[in-house]
Protein backbone atom coordinates (compact mmCIF):
# COMPACT_ATOMS: atom_id res chain seq x y z
CA MET A 1 0.15 0.00 -0.06
CA GLU A 2 1.26 3.32 -0.64
CA ILE A 3 0.01 7.22 -0.08
CA ILE A 4 -0.28 9.21 -2.87
CA HIS A 5 1.12 12.69 -2.93
CA ALA A 6 0.64 15.34 -5.70
CA LYS A 7 2.62 18.32 -6.49
CA GLY A 8 1.39 21.43 -6.96
CA LEU A 9 -2.04 20.32 -4.98
CA PRO A 10 -2.59 21.19 -1.24
CA ALA A 11 -2.12 18.31 1.25
CA PRO A 12 -5.90 17.37 2.84
CA LYS A 13 -6.54 18.27 6.05
CA GLY A 14 -6.39 15.99 9.17
CA HIS A 15 -5.61 12.06 8.48
CA TYR A 16 -6.47 11.82 5.18
CA SER A 17 -4.82 11.53 1.77
CA LEU A 18 -5.36 12.02 -2.01
CA ALA A 19 -5.55 8.49 -2.68
CA ILE A 20 -4.09 5.26 -1.73
CA LEU A 21 -2.33 3.07 -4.17
CA SER A 22 -3.26 -0.55 -3.30
CA ASN A 23 -2.41 -3.96 -5.27
CA GLY A 24 -2.44 -2.57 -8.38
CA LEU A 25 -5.86 -0.50 -7.79
CA LEU A 26 -5.93 3.52 -6.80
CA PHE A 27 -8.35 4.42 -4.69
CA ALA A 28 -9.25 8.40 -4.79
CA SER A 29 -11.76 9.61 -2.77
CA GLY A 30 -13.09 13.56 -1.63
CA ILE A 31 -11.26 15.77 -4.53
CA LEU A 32 -12.49 19.13 -4.30
CA PRO A 33 -11.99 22.50 -6.77
CA GLU A 34 -9.65 24.89 -5.87
CA GLU A 35 -10.33 28.01 -3.95
CA LEU A 36 -12.14 29.89 -6.35
CA PRO A 37 -12.73 33.85 -5.57
CA ALA A 38 -16.47 34.28 -4.48
CA SER A 39 -17.29 35.94 -7.73
CA GLN A 40 -16.71 32.55 -9.30
CA THR A 41 -17.85 29.90 -6.67
CA ASP A 42 -21.23 30.41 -8.75
CA SER A 43 -20.31 28.81 -11.79
CA PHE A 44 -21.23 25.18 -11.61
CA GLU A 45 -18.96 24.59 -14.89
CA ARG A 46 -15.92 26.35 -13.28
CA GLN A 47 -16.11 24.35 -10.10
CA VAL A 48 -16.34 21.05 -12.27
CA ILE A 49 -13.49 21.81 -14.34
CA SER A 50 -11.10 22.37 -11.46
CA ALA A 51 -12.14 19.51 -9.32
CA LEU A 52 -11.54 17.29 -12.88
CA LYS A 53 -8.25 19.08 -13.16
CA ARG A 54 -7.38 18.18 -9.47
CA ALA A 55 -8.43 14.64 -10.15
CA LYS A 56 -5.96 14.66 -13.17
CA GLY A 57 -2.98 15.29 -11.32
CA VAL A 58 -3.81 13.17 -8.50
CA LEU A 59 -4.21 10.26 -11.04
CA GLU A 60 -1.18 11.48 -12.65
CA ALA A 61 0.96 11.36 -9.14
CA GLY A 62 -0.18 7.10 -8.63
CA HIS A 63 0.74 6.50 -12.25
CA SER A 64 -2.62 6.43 -13.41
CA SER A 65 -4.72 8.46 -16.18
CA MET A 66 -8.04 9.57 -16.61
CA ASN A 67 -8.28 6.74 -19.09
CA GLN A 68 -8.28 4.53 -16.67
CA ILE A 69 -11.10 5.60 -13.98
CA ASN A 70 -13.06 2.47 -13.50
CA GLU A 71 -15.97 4.32 -11.28
CA LEU A 72 -16.69 8.04 -10.79
CA SER A 73 -19.26 9.58 -8.01
CA HIS A 74 -20.33 12.78 -6.59
CA ARG A 75 -22.42 13.85 -4.18
């Protein structure tokens, strides 16, 4: 098991990690958009794009890519 750290992304708070690599599978959770200025937070599209860019960075740090996503969900 390997804890994944991504350059250029802030470390998660508390005892969380960006992702865990275990037995060839990368598990990532809680990837949020960057802190946007108040004038931009009303744009759902900007928030989604930001979160996906961060997800891409986490996947690449875990030697994976967006093309290898098996399951994706949101809340």
